[in-house]
Amino acid sequence: MNRARFWKPLLALCLLATTGACAGSGSSLRVTSLEQDSMLAPGFNTVVFVSEDKNVADIYITDLPRSVWQDGGGVAIPDGVSGSAIHIHQFYRPHVTRTPIATSASNLTIQMLVISGDQVGLYGGGGFLLPKGSATNNRYGGQIRDASLRLLNATPGFADLLGASELNGRISARKDPEYAEDLALWFTRTASRLDQGDIAE
């Protein structure tokens, strides 16, 4: 896979973000490479979460059409689809005087799938969410600063143009167990297929 092929969807994602395509979601995340002159800034159309209690939450963010991940998705990524999806797992909510509140601390893990044609890359890392609102409410989110990401797995032809990266931005998600369950299942299925080489239809 050549670099130009990857840059076409990447550039499109950046343009979506700068033209306000994600304004309706109230969320804006940017992944900036620490090694290369590259950036990924998707324009999200789905930002949802589900929570066990006030401390634990799973947030799913994507610019992929629902037809890709509805009901956990099909047996493979449809041909011609490009975009990204992010899963943020918050495992504790910070409390003043009782838990660290700093970007150097960590209260979440991150997984990010980047799809470029028939190639897929899985990035992972961790960081800190300074929350806004409560995970027991119908909306939840906050600010993420300097979260770390790196490539964990990919199809053989995937071009990693990010390398070690940082994720920054804000999240405002709506509680939607149905969408979150579909995205969780799709995430698991897609990540598990990377080693098997059966991503594309």
Protein backbone atom coordinates (compact mmCIF):
# COMPACT_ATOMS: atom_id res chain seq x y z
CA MET A 1 0.00 0.00 0.00
CA ASN A 2 1.51 3.36 -0.95
CA ARG A 3 1.49 6.52 1.11
CA ALA A 4 -0.72 8.48 -1.32
CA ARG A 5 -3.53 5.94 -0.96
CA PHE A 6 -3.53 6.35 2.82
CA TRP A 7 -3.32 10.14 2.72
CA LYS A 8 -6.52 10.56 0.67
CA PRO A 9 -8.88 9.39 3.45
CA LEU A 10 -6.64 10.97 6.09
CA LEU A 11 -6.83 14.36 4.36
CA ALA A 12 -10.59 14.00 3.99
CA LEU A 13 -10.93 13.41 7.72
CA CYS A 14 -8.90 16.50 8.52
CA LEU A 15 -11.01 18.61 6.17
CA LEU A 16 -14.21 17.38 7.81
CA ALA A 17 -12.94 18.54 11.17
CA THR A 18 -11.91 21.97 9.97
CA THR A 19 -15.17 22.64 8.16
CA GLY A 20 -17.27 21.97 11.24
CA ALA A 21 -18.72 18.60 10.27
CA CYS A 22 -18.44 17.45 13.87
CA ALA A 23 -19.92 20.59 15.41
CA GLY A 24 -23.23 18.90 16.12
CA SER A 25 -21.59 16.22 18.27
CA GLY A 26 -19.89 18.67 20.64
CA SER A 27 -16.79 16.49 20.39
CA SER A 28 -13.47 17.22 18.74
CA LEU A 29 -10.43 14.95 19.00
CA ARG A 30 -7.09 15.25 17.26
CA VAL A 31 -4.31 12.66 17.01
CA THR A 32 -0.93 14.28 16.38
CA SER A 33 2.16 12.30 15.48
CA LEU A 34 5.23 12.80 17.66
CA GLU A 35 7.46 11.28 15.00
CA GLN A 36 6.13 12.53 11.67
CA ASP A 37 4.47 15.58 10.19
CA SER A 38 0.99 14.05 10.25
CA MET A 39 -2.31 14.41 12.06
CA LEU A 40 -5.69 12.67 12.19
CA ALA A 41 -8.73 14.81 13.04
CA PRO A 42 -11.97 12.96 12.22
CA GLY A 43 -15.35 14.63 11.87
CA PHE A 44 -17.50 12.43 14.11
CA ASN A 45 -21.10 11.51 13.44
CA THR A 46 -21.56 9.12 16.40
CA VAL A 47 -20.44 9.81 19.99
CA VAL A 48 -22.11 7.51 22.52
CA PHE A 49 -21.40 5.96 25.90
CA VAL A 50 -22.62 3.33 28.33
CA SER A 51 -21.78 3.18 32.03
CA GLU A 52 -21.81 0.68 34.88
CA ASP A 53 -21.83 3.40 37.54
CA LYS A 54 -20.46 6.90 38.10
CA ASN A 55 -16.85 5.68 37.92
CA VAL A 56 -16.76 3.31 34.95
CA ALA A 57 -17.77 4.29 31.41
CA ASP A 58 -17.16 3.14 27.85
CA ILE A 59 -17.24 5.84 25.18
CA TYR A 60 -17.43 5.06 21.46
CA ILE A 61 -16.65 7.66 18.81
CA THR A 62 -16.71 7.16 15.05
CA ASP A 63 -17.14 8.82 11.68
CA LEU A 64 -18.03 5.53 9.99
CA PRO A 65 -21.57 5.07 8.66
CA ARG A 66 -23.85 3.05 10.88
CA SER A 67 -24.25 0.43 8.18
CA VAL A 68 -20.64 -0.63 8.87
CA TRP A 69 -21.09 -1.39 12.58
CA GLN A 70 -24.85 -1.88 13.07
CA ASP A 71 -25.60 -5.14 14.91
CA GLY A 72 -21.86 -5.62 15.34
CA GLY A 73 -21.11 -5.34 11.63
CA GLY A 74 -20.91 -7.97 8.93
CA VAL A 75 -18.26 -10.58 8.38
CA ALA A 76 -15.84 -7.99 7.01
CA ILE A 77 -15.32 -4.28 6.34
CA PRO A 78 -17.30 -3.31 3.19
CA ASP A 79 -15.23 -2.37 0.17
CA GLY A 80 -14.47 1.33 -0.23
CA VAL A 81 -15.02 2.31 3.41
CA SER A 82 -12.49 4.63 5.05
CA GLY A 83 -12.64 6.28 8.46
CA SER A 84 -11.87 5.73 12.12
CA ALA A 85 -13.40 4.62 15.39
CA ILE A 86 -12.25 5.20 18.96
CA HIS A 87 -13.10 3.27 22.14
CA ILE A 88 -12.31 4.99 25.43
CA HIS A 89 -12.66 2.96 28.62
CA GLN A 90 -12.71 5.07 31.78
CA PHE A 91 -11.90 2.84 34.73
CA TYR A 92 -12.21 5.43 37.47
CA ARG A 93 -13.53 8.94 37.93
CA PRO A 94 -11.00 11.30 39.54
CA HIS A 95 -11.89 12.93 42.85
CA VAL A 96 -10.18 15.99 44.26
CA THR A 97 -7.82 15.12 47.19
CA ARG A 98 -8.43 11.37 46.73
CA THR A 99 -7.08 10.59 43.24
CA PRO A 100 -4.50 12.18 40.91
CA ILE A 101 -5.85 14.94 38.66
CA ALA A 102 -3.18 15.62 36.05
CA THR A 103 -2.43 14.78 32.43
CA SER A 104 0.48 12.64 33.71
CA ALA A 105 -2.03 10.43 35.54
CA SER A 106 -4.19 7.80 33.85
CA ASN A 107 -7.85 6.92 34.24
CA LEU A 108 -8.60 5.52 30.80
CA THR A 109 -7.45 3.22 28.05
CA ILE A 110 -7.83 4.03 24.35
CA GLN A 111 -8.22 1.90 21.25
CA MET A 112 -8.42 3.47 17.80
CA LEU A 113 -9.14 1.67 14.53
CA VAL A 114 -8.08 3.47 11.35
CA ILE A 115 -9.56 2.08 8.13
CA SER A 116 -8.10 3.05 4.77
CA GLY A 117 -9.65 1.09 1.92
CA ASP A 118 -8.84 -2.58 2.49
CA GLN A 119 -6.22 -1.82 5.16
CA VAL A 120 -6.81 -1.47 8.90
CA GLY A 121 -4.58 -0.37 11.77
CA LEU A 122 -5.26 -0.72 15.49
CA TYR A 123 -3.71 1.89 17.80
CA GLY A 124 -3.76 1.73 21.59
CA GLY A 125 -2.68 3.68 24.62
CA GLY A 126 -3.87 5.50 27.69
CA GLY A 127 -4.44 8.91 29.20
CA PHE A 128 -6.47 11.07 31.49
CA LEU A 129 -10.04 12.29 31.11
CA LEU A 130 -10.94 15.35 33.14
CA PRO A 131 -14.67 14.64 33.32
CA LYS A 132 -17.59 16.96 32.77
CA GLY A 133 -20.91 15.78 34.18
CA SER A 134 -21.63 12.34 35.57
CA ALA A 135 -21.63 8.95 33.86
CA THR A 136 -25.01 8.34 35.50
CA ASN A 137 -26.53 11.16 33.41
CA ASN A 138 -27.71 11.04 29.79
CA ARG A 139 -24.66 12.98 28.61
CA TYR A 140 -21.07 12.56 29.68
CA GLY A 141 -17.60 13.55 28.55
CA GLY A 142 -14.79 15.89 29.34
CA GLN A 143 -11.31 16.91 28.24
CA ILE A 144 -8.41 14.67 27.23
CA ARG A 145 -4.88 16.05 27.04
CA ASP A 146 -1.67 14.36 25.88
CA ALA A 147 -3.00 10.81 25.86
CA SER A 148 -0.55 8.38 24.28
CA LEU A 149 -1.16 6.17 21.24
CA ARG A 150 0.93 3.79 19.17
CA LEU A 151 0.28 1.14 16.54
CA LEU A 152 -0.50 -2.26 18.10
CA ASN A 153 -1.57 -4.32 15.12
CA ALA A 154 -2.40 -3.91 11.43
CA THR A 155 -3.08 -5.66 8.17
CA PRO A 156 0.12 -6.32 6.18
CA GLY A 157 -0.30 -3.38 3.79
CA PHE A 158 -1.24 -0.73 6.36
CA ALA A 159 0.99 2.36 6.26
CA ASP A 160 1.55 3.76 9.77
CA LEU A 161 1.88 7.50 9.15
CA LEU A 162 1.35 8.40 12.81
CA GLY A 163 3.79 6.30 14.84
CA ALA A 164 3.92 7.35 18.48
CA SER A 165 1.19 9.97 18.86
CA GLU A 166 -0.82 12.11 21.26
CA LEU A 167 -4.59 12.41 21.43
CA ASN A 168 -6.13 15.68 22.60
CA GLY A 169 -9.59 17.18 22.61
CA ARG A 170 -13.04 17.21 24.15
CA ILE A 171 -15.85 14.68 24.29
CA SER A 172 -19.58 15.12 24.74
CA ALA A 173 -21.31 11.75 24.43
CA ARG A 174 -24.92 10.70 24.78
CA LYS A 175 -25.92 7.58 26.67
CA ASP A 176 -27.00 4.98 24.13
CA PRO A 177 -26.59 1.33 25.22
CA GLU A 178 -27.82 -0.03 21.86
CA TYR A 179 -25.31 1.89 19.74
CA ALA A 180 -22.54 1.28 22.29
CA GLU A 181 -23.19 -2.47 22.28
CA ASP A 182 -23.11 -2.57 18.47
CA LEU A 183 -19.85 -0.63 18.34
CA ALA A 184 -18.29 -2.74 21.10
CA LEU A 185 -19.07 -5.95 19.21
CA TRP A 186 -17.84 -4.47 15.92
CA PHE A 187 -14.63 -3.29 17.59
CA THR A 188 -13.96 -6.76 19.02
CA ARG A 189 -14.69 -8.52 15.74
CA THR A 190 -12.58 -6.15 13.64
CA ALA A 191 -9.59 -6.22 15.99
CA SER A 192 -9.68 -10.02 16.14
CA ARG A 193 -9.55 -10.26 12.32
CA LEU A 194 -6.33 -8.31 11.93
CA ASP A 195 -4.19 -11.42 12.39
CA GLN A 196 -6.44 -13.47 10.14
CA GLY A 197 -6.21 -11.25 7.03
CA ASP A 198 -9.95 -11.36 6.27
CA ILE A 199 -10.77 -7.68 6.78
CA ALA A 200 -11.93 -6.86 3.25
CA GLU A 201 -14.91 -8.47 1.52
